Amino acid sequence: MTRMRSPRSSGSGTRDPVWDASHSSGSSVSSAGSGSSATGSGRSRVRSAVRAIGSCFGSPRAADHHHHHILLEEEEQQQLDSPSRTPSVNIHGSERKRSGKRLYVSRLNPSSKGSGDRTFTMADIQKATKNFSPSLAIGQGGFGTVYKGKLDDGTIVAIKRAKKNDNEGHLNSDFKREIQTMSLIEHLNLVKFLGYLEHGDEKIIVIDYVPNGTLREHLDCLHGNPLDLAARLDIAIDIAHAVTYLHMYTDHPIIHRDIKSSNILLTENLRAKVADFGFARLGSSENEFTHVSTQVKGTAGYLDPDYLQTYQLTEKSDVYSFGVLLVEMVTGRRPIEPKRESKERVTVKWAMKNFVEGNVEQTIDPNLPPNAAANFAVEKILELALQCLPPTRQSRPSMKTCAEFLWGIRKDYRELLSSHPLPHSSSLDSAKEEKN
């Protein structure tokens, strides 16, 4: 069950109800079914967004030392190293008053029952992974290697083993940050944290095993049939729900900082779970500060240009990455395609240019069946992506607004689909041949 607290107020003095995106049809950004007028107004802003994408790959300038800056990386490391700074505990997830705010209490006490409460020994880990057998390796990243393992009780888990040659010490910080962050969260669309182990130079994180690979693998059709547009919309909504929870419904805002397709795991039912919290940061609380000042971390192609240039991190940096991800999901292309001709190498630039010129059909993943409903939905998704991609964070919507807008798109898509059914596979193959 998703555990959440009351969201932070919007500043109007009124308290939002517990959020359920199904309460909205997506009108907060613009109506998903409003037709060409909404699209036209969106396109009028596309040029500044398109120009901004290139700045993601420029050199960051020195951070402006504004009085709203908080916690630099060194101070953050002191927090990670200081157990006494962790919040007090209530294992039942009850609410309590603190500084006039109702907060869901974090569960960081090892004696509590819930996320991350299991205890592991090195013998447990070695047995579960058959002594880190290469045949059980299922992933590789900057942190280290991920193994599929089986515990004594039969539970299938994913075991992340950190690299040992960490000369710069950054992996140690990422490890501590990840276990601290994952101890604070629990949501249907977030990978569940089971526990961790530090044993000599071994650093291990144990999480739920999600059996159906990553979103990127599915976009590359590595798991059989390509994802249809309905599944992609469901996945996008799952991701938006998860990130909204991180931003609004935890004790303290959490900025993921690495939203990308390879960090989205899919279940057998194609439900999305956001993973990898090694870059996650605590954001600024309401009525506190406007942003967090920190070293730039993330993945090229998904990085917020505002954050890249100023080192000022906010929840809107995740919104920017989500906009890039939306474009990736409807085009099937990676954010950076170095083997394509120069005008198509940065996928967001290419897609937004086609969007403003009215060539939405040129951007649609060739694995998606061509039909009126799909064309409509892709156009509206690109409209939302456009609103996530302005060069300055103040112009972007919240993740909650993104989720609401996607709900509206999905509703309208289903209605259109019922009146314009998908073609049979034979006609789809013919359409692909004509397009090629």
Protein backbone atom coordinates (compact mmCIF):
# COMPACT_ATOMS: atom_id res chain seq x y z
CA MET A 1 0.00 0.00 0.00
CA THR A 2 1.25 3.47 -0.89
CA ARG A 3 2.06 5.48 2.19
CA MET A 4 1.68 9.21 1.86
CA ARG A 5 1.23 12.34 3.87
CA SER A 6 -0.75 15.44 3.11
CA PRO A 7 0.93 17.35 0.28
CA ARG A 8 2.68 20.62 0.84
CA SER A 9 0.36 23.55 0.37
CA SER A 10 0.45 25.53 -2.85
CA GLY A 11 1.10 28.76 -1.02
CA SER A 12 -2.50 29.92 -1.02
CA GLY A 13 -2.99 28.99 2.61
CA THR A 14 -5.36 26.13 1.75
CA ARG A 15 -4.49 22.51 2.26
CA ASP A 16 -4.75 20.22 -0.78
CA PRO A 17 -6.77 17.02 -0.38
CA VAL A 18 -4.88 13.74 -0.57
CA TRP A 19 -3.97 13.60 -4.21
CA ASP A 20 -5.56 11.21 -6.68
CA ALA A 21 -4.84 12.07 -10.30
CA SER A 22 -8.08 10.43 -11.35
CA HIS A 23 -9.89 13.44 -9.86
CA SER A 24 -8.66 15.57 -12.74
CA SER A 25 -9.06 15.34 -16.49
CA GLY A 26 -5.86 17.18 -17.23
CA SER A 27 -7.07 20.74 -17.47
CA SER A 28 -4.32 22.17 -15.27
CA VAL A 29 -1.91 22.48 -18.20
CA SER A 30 -4.49 22.70 -20.96
CA SER A 31 -7.38 20.54 -21.95
CA ALA A 32 -6.24 17.32 -23.55
CA GLY A 33 -9.16 17.47 -25.87
CA SER A 34 -9.16 21.20 -26.59
CA GLY A 35 -8.15 20.86 -30.21
CA SER A 36 -5.91 22.94 -32.36
CA SER A 37 -6.11 26.15 -30.35
CA ALA A 38 -4.32 24.65 -27.37
CA THR A 39 -1.78 23.05 -29.65
CA GLY A 40 -1.21 26.30 -31.45
CA SER A 41 -0.57 28.20 -28.24
CA GLY A 42 1.83 25.45 -27.18
CA ARG A 43 3.67 25.67 -30.45
CA SER A 44 4.06 29.42 -30.07
CA ARG A 45 6.43 28.69 -27.17
CA VAL A 46 8.31 25.83 -28.80
CA ARG A 47 11.17 27.82 -30.28
CA SER A 48 12.55 28.91 -26.92
CA ALA A 49 12.27 25.36 -25.63
CA VAL A 50 14.02 23.96 -28.70
CA ARG A 51 16.84 26.48 -28.36
CA ALA A 52 17.24 25.51 -24.73
CA ILE A 53 17.92 21.86 -25.45
CA GLY A 54 21.35 22.54 -26.93
CA SER A 55 22.43 24.30 -23.77
CA CYS A 56 22.32 20.95 -21.98
CA PHE A 57 25.69 20.18 -23.50
CA GLY A 58 27.41 23.47 -22.77
CA SER A 59 29.85 24.25 -19.95
CA PRO A 60 28.16 25.09 -16.66
CA ARG A 61 28.94 28.50 -15.30
CA ALA A 62 29.83 29.15 -11.71
CA ALA A 63 26.90 28.93 -9.35
CA ASP A 64 25.37 32.20 -8.21
CA HIS A 65 25.90 32.30 -4.45
CA HIS A 66 22.39 33.44 -3.65
CA HIS A 67 21.20 33.63 -0.05
CA HIS A 68 18.65 30.90 -0.80
CA HIS A 69 21.36 28.30 -1.37
CA ILE A 70 21.48 25.41 1.10
CA LEU A 71 23.56 22.26 1.74
CA LEU A 72 26.59 21.98 -0.51
CA GLU A 73 27.95 18.50 -1.29
CA GLU A 74 30.40 18.63 1.61
CA GLU A 75 27.63 19.45 4.09
CA GLU A 76 25.44 16.75 2.59
CA GLN A 77 28.22 14.23 3.14
CA GLN A 78 28.40 15.29 6.79
CA GLN A 79 24.67 14.59 7.06
CA LEU A 80 25.08 11.15 5.49
CA ASP A 81 27.91 10.33 7.89
CA SER A 82 25.95 11.51 10.94
CA PRO A 83 23.34 8.99 12.14
CA SER A 84 22.18 11.38 14.83
CA ARG A 85 20.61 13.56 12.14
CA THR A 86 18.10 10.96 11.02
CA PRO A 87 14.47 11.68 11.91
CA SER A 88 12.64 10.10 14.83
CA VAL A 89 10.62 6.98 14.16
CA ASN A 90 7.04 5.78 14.25
CA ILE A 91 6.77 2.32 12.73
CA HIS A 92 3.02 2.56 12.14
CA GLY A 93 3.38 5.47 9.72
CA SER A 94 1.27 7.80 11.81
CA GLU A 95 1.34 11.56 11.40
CA ARG A 96 2.73 14.01 13.88
CA LYS A 97 3.09 17.77 14.24
CA ARG A 98 6.44 19.40 13.55
CA SER A 99 6.84 23.13 13.06
CA GLY A 100 3.14 23.39 12.34
CA LYS A 101 3.26 20.83 9.47
CA ARG A 102 1.70 17.40 9.35
CA LEU A 103 4.35 14.96 8.19
CA TYR A 104 4.39 11.26 7.52
CA VAL A 105 7.06 9.97 9.89
CA SER A 106 10.13 8.40 8.29
CA ARG A 107 11.00 4.81 9.13
CA LEU A 108 14.75 4.69 9.58
CA ASN A 109 14.97 2.75 12.83
CA PRO A 110 16.46 -0.72 12.18
CA SER A 111 13.92 -2.20 14.61
CA SER A 112 10.97 -0.92 12.60
CA LYS A 113 9.01 -3.21 10.31
CA GLY A 114 8.77 -2.04 6.74
CA SER A 115 10.95 -0.89 3.87
CA GLY A 116 14.60 -1.82 4.40
CA ASP A 117 14.11 -3.63 7.70
CA ARG A 118 15.66 -6.97 6.69
CA THR A 119 19.11 -7.91 7.95
CA PHE A 120 21.59 -9.66 5.66
CA THR A 121 24.98 -11.27 6.20
CA MET A 122 27.69 -11.64 3.61
CA ALA A 123 27.02 -15.39 3.64
CA ASP A 124 23.37 -14.69 2.74
CA ILE A 125 24.40 -12.53 -0.21
CA GLN A 126 27.02 -14.98 -1.48
CA LYS A 127 24.56 -17.86 -1.28
CA ALA A 128 21.80 -15.86 -3.00
CA THR A 129 24.08 -14.92 -5.91
CA LYS A 130 26.08 -18.16 -6.03
CA ASN A 131 29.13 -16.16 -4.98
CA PHE A 132 28.35 -13.38 -7.48
CA SER A 133 28.15 -15.71 -10.44
CA PRO A 134 28.47 -13.86 -13.77
CA SER A 135 25.52 -15.91 -15.01
CA LEU A 136 23.28 -14.09 -12.51
CA ALA A 137 24.46 -10.58 -13.46
CA ILE A 138 21.49 -8.67 -14.86
CA GLY A 139 22.82 -5.13 -15.04
CA GLN A 140 25.88 -2.93 -14.96
CA GLY A 141 26.17 0.74 -14.11
CA GLY A 142 28.26 3.45 -12.53
CA PHE A 143 27.51 2.05 -9.08
CA GLY A 144 28.59 -1.49 -9.92
CA THR A 145 26.90 -4.76 -10.91
CA VAL A 146 23.33 -5.90 -10.25
CA TYR A 147 22.69 -9.61 -9.68
CA LYS A 148 19.53 -11.64 -9.56
CA GLY A 149 19.44 -13.60 -6.30
CA LYS A 150 17.27 -16.04 -4.39
CA LEU A 151 17.02 -15.81 -0.61
CA ASP A 152 16.56 -18.80 1.69
CA ASP A 153 12.82 -18.12 1.94
CA GLY A 154 12.50 -18.28 -1.83
CA THR A 155 12.22 -14.52 -2.39
CA ILE A 156 13.73 -13.40 -5.69
CA VAL A 157 15.67 -10.18 -5.23
CA ALA A 158 17.99 -7.82 -7.08
CA ILE A 159 21.36 -7.34 -5.37
CA LYS A 160 23.45 -4.28 -6.18
CA ARG A 161 27.16 -4.73 -5.50
CA ALA A 162 29.23 -1.56 -5.50
CA LYS A 163 32.56 -1.28 -7.27
CA LYS A 164 35.56 -1.61 -4.97
CA ASN A 165 38.05 0.68 -6.70
CA ASP A 166 36.37 3.90 -5.62
CA ASN A 167 39.39 6.19 -5.57
CA GLU A 168 37.35 9.40 -5.44
CA GLY A 169 34.95 8.31 -2.74
CA HIS A 170 31.87 9.32 -4.72
CA LEU A 171 30.45 5.79 -4.75
CA ASN A 172 30.49 5.74 -0.96
CA SER A 173 28.40 8.93 -0.95
CA ASP A 174 26.02 7.53 -3.57
CA PHE A 175 25.65 4.32 -1.58
CA LYS A 176 24.78 6.15 1.63
CA ARG A 177 22.47 8.52 -0.21
CA GLU A 178 20.63 5.65 -1.86
CA ILE A 179 19.99 3.66 1.31
CA GLN A 180 18.98 6.80 3.20
CA THR A 181 16.54 7.84 0.47
CA MET A 182 15.04 4.40 -0.09
CA SER A 183 14.50 3.99 3.66
CA LEU A 184 12.19 7.01 3.53
CA ILE A 185 9.89 5.93 0.71
CA GLU A 186 7.27 3.36 -0.13
CA HIS A 187 5.03 3.53 -3.22
CA LEU A 188 3.53 1.12 -5.73
CA ASN A 189 5.57 2.69 -8.54
CA LEU A 190 8.92 2.78 -6.73
CA VAL A 191 11.23 -0.22 -6.44
CA LYS A 192 11.00 -1.53 -2.87
CA PHE A 193 14.10 -1.38 -0.68
CA LEU A 194 14.68 -4.55 1.37
CA GLY A 195 17.97 -3.88 3.13
CA TYR A 196 21.69 -3.29 2.77
CA LEU A 197 25.02 -4.62 3.96
CA GLU A 198 28.45 -3.09 4.55
CA HIS A 199 31.10 -5.76 5.07
CA GLY A 200 34.72 -4.66 4.77
CA ASP A 201 35.05 -3.15 1.32
CA GLU A 202 31.76 -4.72 0.19
CA LYS A 203 28.73 -2.44 -0.16
CA ILE A 204 25.47 -4.23 -0.99
CA ILE A 205 21.91 -2.99 -1.57
CA VAL A 206 19.03 -5.47 -1.77
CA ILE A 207 15.81 -4.47 -3.54
CA ASP A 208 12.77 -6.17 -5.02
CA TYR A 209 13.42 -7.98 -8.28
CA VAL A 210 11.34 -6.54 -11.14
CA PRO A 211 11.24 -9.27 -13.79
CA ASN A 212 10.47 -7.60 -17.10
CA GLY A 213 13.50 -5.46 -17.86
CA THR A 214 13.75 -1.71 -18.38
CA LEU A 215 11.61 0.68 -20.36
CA ARG A 216 14.56 1.31 -22.68
CA GLU A 217 14.84 -2.40 -23.44
CA HIS A 218 11.15 -2.49 -24.35
CA LEU A 219 11.48 0.56 -26.59
CA ASP A 220 14.31 -1.33 -28.31
CA CYS A 221 11.99 -4.36 -28.65
CA LEU A 222 14.37 -6.63 -26.74
CA HIS A 223 11.47 -8.38 -24.99
CA GLY A 224 9.37 -9.42 -27.98
CA ASN A 225 6.44 -7.32 -29.15
CA PRO A 226 6.84 -3.53 -29.03
CA LEU A 227 4.94 -1.54 -26.43
CA ASP A 228 1.66 -0.19 -27.80
CA LEU A 229 0.68 3.42 -27.15
CA ALA A 230 -1.82 2.48 -24.44
CA ALA A 231 0.93 0.73 -22.48
CA ARG A 232 3.26 3.71 -22.95
CA LEU A 233 0.62 6.07 -21.59
CA ASP A 234 0.06 3.80 -18.58
CA ILE A 235 3.82 3.70 -17.94
CA ALA A 236 4.14 7.48 -18.24
CA ILE A 237 1.33 7.93 -15.70
CA ASP A 238 2.96 5.43 -13.33
CA ILE A 239 6.23 7.37 -13.51
CA ALA A 240 4.44 10.69 -12.98
CA HIS A 241 2.67 9.26 -9.91
CA ALA A 242 5.96 8.01 -8.45
CA VAL A 243 7.81 11.29 -8.93
CA THR A 244 4.84 13.30 -7.64
CA TYR A 245 4.99 11.17 -4.49
CA LEU A 246 8.70 11.93 -4.11
CA HIS A 247 8.15 15.66 -4.58
CA MET A 248 5.00 16.14 -2.52
CA TYR A 249 4.12 13.26 -0.23
CA THR A 250 7.30 12.38 1.65
CA ASP A 251 8.59 13.91 4.88
CA HIS A 252 10.90 16.09 2.84
CA PRO A 253 10.85 16.67 -0.95
CA ILE A 254 13.05 14.15 -2.76
CA ILE A 255 14.57 14.99 -6.14
CA HIS A 256 15.46 11.83 -8.05
CA ARG A 257 17.97 13.58 -10.35
CA ASP A 258 18.27 10.67 -12.80
CA ILE A 259 14.86 10.05 -14.39
CA LYS A 260 15.57 8.10 -17.58
CA SER A 261 14.28 5.08 -19.48
CA SER A 262 16.97 2.70 -18.21
CA ASN A 263 15.96 3.54 -14.61
CA ILE A 264 12.33 2.57 -15.22
CA LEU A 265 11.71 -1.12 -14.51
CA LEU A 266 8.60 -2.92 -15.76
CA THR A 267 6.64 -5.71 -14.16
CA GLU A 268 5.13 -8.61 -16.06
CA ASN A 269 1.91 -6.56 -16.27
CA LEU A 270 3.87 -3.58 -17.65
CA ARG A 271 3.50 -1.51 -14.48
CA ALA A 272 6.40 0.91 -14.08
CA LYS A 273 8.67 1.15 -11.06
CA VAL A 274 11.22 3.96 -10.75
CA ALA A 275 14.64 2.69 -9.62
CA ASP A 276 18.18 3.86 -8.83
CA PHE A 277 18.32 6.53 -6.12
CA GLY A 278 22.10 6.92 -6.10
CA PHE A 279 21.84 10.54 -7.30
CA ALA A 280 18.75 11.44 -5.26
CA ARG A 281 18.82 14.58 -3.13
CA LEU A 282 16.57 16.06 -0.49
CA GLY A 283 15.02 19.21 -1.91
CA SER A 284 14.00 22.37 -0.11
CA SER A 285 10.94 22.32 2.14
CA GLU A 286 8.06 24.75 1.75
CA ASN A 287 8.67 28.19 3.23
CA GLU A 288 12.38 27.34 3.50
CA PHE A 289 14.49 27.86 0.38
CA THR A 290 13.90 28.01 -3.36
CA HIS A 291 16.47 25.41 -4.37
CA VAL A 292 19.42 23.25 -3.37
CA SER A 293 22.91 24.17 -4.55
CA THR A 294 24.86 21.05 -5.53
CA GLN A 295 27.32 19.57 -7.97
CA VAL A 296 25.75 18.54 -11.27
CA LYS A 297 24.89 14.85 -11.52
CA GLY A 298 22.67 13.06 -13.99
CA THR A 299 22.72 11.62 -17.50
CA ALA A 300 23.56 13.51 -20.70
CA GLY A 301 20.45 14.18 -22.73
CA TYR A 302 18.17 14.29 -19.69
CA LEU A 303 19.91 17.08 -17.73
CA ASP A 304 18.00 20.24 -16.94
CA PRO A 305 19.90 23.12 -18.64
CA ASP A 306 18.99 25.49 -15.79
CA TYR A 307 20.54 23.10 -13.25
CA LEU A 308 23.51 22.48 -15.54
CA GLN A 309 24.29 26.21 -15.77
CA THR A 310 23.52 27.34 -12.21
CA TYR A 311 23.99 24.20 -10.05
CA GLN A 312 20.58 25.08 -8.56
CA LEU A 313 18.57 21.88 -8.16
CA THR A 314 14.79 21.84 -7.70
CA GLU A 315 11.93 19.41 -8.31
CA LYS A 316 11.56 21.05 -11.73
CA SER A 317 14.85 19.40 -12.77
CA ASP A 318 13.00 16.07 -12.59
CA VAL A 319 10.18 17.64 -14.62
CA TYR A 320 12.64 18.50 -17.39
CA SER A 321 14.00 14.95 -17.44
CA PHE A 322 10.44 13.65 -17.56
CA GLY A 323 9.78 15.83 -20.62
CA VAL A 324 12.77 14.26 -22.37
CA LEU A 325 11.48 10.82 -21.35
CA LEU A 326 8.04 11.56 -22.84
CA VAL A 327 9.66 12.40 -26.17
CA GLU A 328 11.71 9.21 -25.98
CA MET A 329 8.59 7.14 -25.31
CA VAL A 330 6.63 8.38 -28.33
CA THR A 331 9.56 8.45 -30.78
CA GLY A 332 11.34 5.30 -29.61
CA ARG A 333 14.63 7.16 -30.01
CA ARG A 334 17.27 7.69 -27.35
CA PRO A 335 17.79 11.30 -26.22
CA ILE A 336 21.11 11.41 -28.07
CA GLU A 337 21.48 9.53 -31.37
CA PRO A 338 25.11 10.11 -32.44
CA LYS A 339 24.86 7.98 -35.60
CA ARG A 340 22.06 10.04 -37.14
CA GLU A 341 22.53 13.12 -39.30
CA SER A 342 23.32 16.25 -37.32
CA LYS A 343 19.79 17.70 -37.32
CA GLU A 344 18.41 14.52 -35.75
CA ARG A 345 21.12 13.72 -33.19
CA VAL A 346 19.43 15.47 -30.26
CA THR A 347 16.02 13.80 -30.27
CA VAL A 348 14.18 16.52 -28.33
CA LYS A 349 15.33 19.22 -30.77
CA TRP A 350 14.30 17.13 -33.75
CA ALA A 351 10.92 16.13 -32.28
CA MET A 352 10.01 19.66 -31.16
CA LYS A 353 10.93 21.08 -34.56
CA ASN A 354 8.62 18.58 -36.24
CA PHE A 355 5.94 19.37 -33.66
CA VAL A 356 5.97 23.13 -34.30
CA GLU A 357 5.98 22.55 -38.06
CA GLY A 358 2.93 20.30 -37.82
CA ASN A 359 4.80 17.11 -38.74
CA VAL A 360 3.89 15.08 -35.67
CA GLU A 361 3.49 11.89 -37.73
CA GLN A 362 7.21 12.07 -38.61
CA THR A 363 8.11 11.73 -34.93
CA ILE A 364 6.00 8.68 -34.07
CA ASP A 365 7.85 5.45 -33.33
CA PRO A 366 7.51 3.27 -36.47
CA ASN A 367 6.61 0.38 -34.14
CA LEU A 368 3.33 2.14 -33.24
CA PRO A 369 0.26 1.45 -35.43
CA PRO A 370 -0.72 4.55 -37.46
CA ASN A 371 -4.23 5.79 -36.72
CA ALA A 372 -6.07 8.97 -35.86
CA ALA A 373 -6.21 8.20 -32.14
CA ALA A 374 -2.45 7.62 -31.95
CA ASN A 375 -1.71 10.81 -33.88
CA PHE A 376 -3.91 12.79 -31.49
CA ALA A 377 -2.37 11.26 -28.37
CA VAL A 378 1.21 11.71 -29.56
CA GLU A 379 0.51 15.35 -30.40
CA LYS A 380 -0.87 15.97 -26.91
CA ILE A 381 2.03 14.11 -25.27
CA LEU A 382 4.48 16.26 -27.22
CA GLU A 383 2.54 19.33 -26.12
CA LEU A 384 3.03 18.28 -22.51
CA ALA A 385 6.70 17.50 -23.16
CA LEU A 386 7.10 20.99 -24.59
CA GLN A 387 5.77 22.50 -21.38
CA CYS A 388 8.28 20.44 -19.37
CA LEU A 389 11.25 21.67 -21.43
CA PRO A 390 11.53 25.47 -21.07
CA PRO A 391 15.06 26.68 -20.28
CA THR A 392 14.01 28.12 -16.92
CA ARG A 393 12.40 26.04 -14.19
CA GLN A 394 9.73 28.61 -13.31
CA SER A 395 8.00 27.98 -16.65
CA ARG A 396 7.60 24.23 -16.13
CA PRO A 397 4.55 22.51 -14.60
CA SER A 398 4.70 20.39 -11.48
CA MET A 399 4.84 16.61 -11.73
CA LYS A 400 1.33 16.50 -10.27
CA THR A 401 0.11 18.63 -13.17
CA CYS A 402 1.90 16.35 -15.64
CA ALA A 403 0.12 13.32 -14.18
CA GLU A 404 -3.26 15.03 -14.40
CA PHE A 405 -2.68 16.03 -18.02
CA LEU A 406 -1.65 12.48 -18.93
CA TRP A 407 -4.84 11.17 -17.33
CA GLY A 408 -6.78 13.45 -19.67
CA ILE A 409 -4.82 12.28 -22.70
CA ARG A 410 -5.40 8.63 -21.84
CA LYS A 411 -9.13 9.18 -21.38
CA ASP A 412 -9.47 10.94 -24.74
CA TYR A 413 -7.24 8.38 -26.46
CA ARG A 414 -9.41 5.51 -25.27
CA GLU A 415 -12.55 7.26 -26.48
CA LEU A 416 -11.02 7.94 -29.89
CA LEU A 417 -9.69 4.41 -30.10
CA SER A 418 -13.16 2.98 -29.57
CA SER A 419 -14.38 4.87 -32.64
CA HIS A 420 -11.16 4.33 -34.67
CA PRO A 421 -9.99 0.76 -33.91
CA LEU A 422 -6.37 -0.22 -34.52
CA PRO A 423 -5.67 -1.90 -37.89
CA HIS A 424 -5.02 -5.62 -38.01
CA SER A 425 -1.41 -6.76 -38.10
CA SER A 426 -1.50 -7.30 -41.89
CA SER A 427 -2.59 -3.73 -42.59
CA LEU A 428 -0.05 -2.50 -40.03
CA ASP A 429 2.75 -4.29 -41.84
CA SER A 430 1.57 -2.76 -45.13
CA ALA A 431 1.54 0.70 -43.58
CA LYS A 432 5.11 0.21 -42.32
CA GLU A 433 6.24 -0.87 -45.77
CA GLU A 434 4.65 2.21 -47.32
CA LYS A 435 6.31 4.46 -44.73
CA ASN A 436 9.71 2.88 -45.43
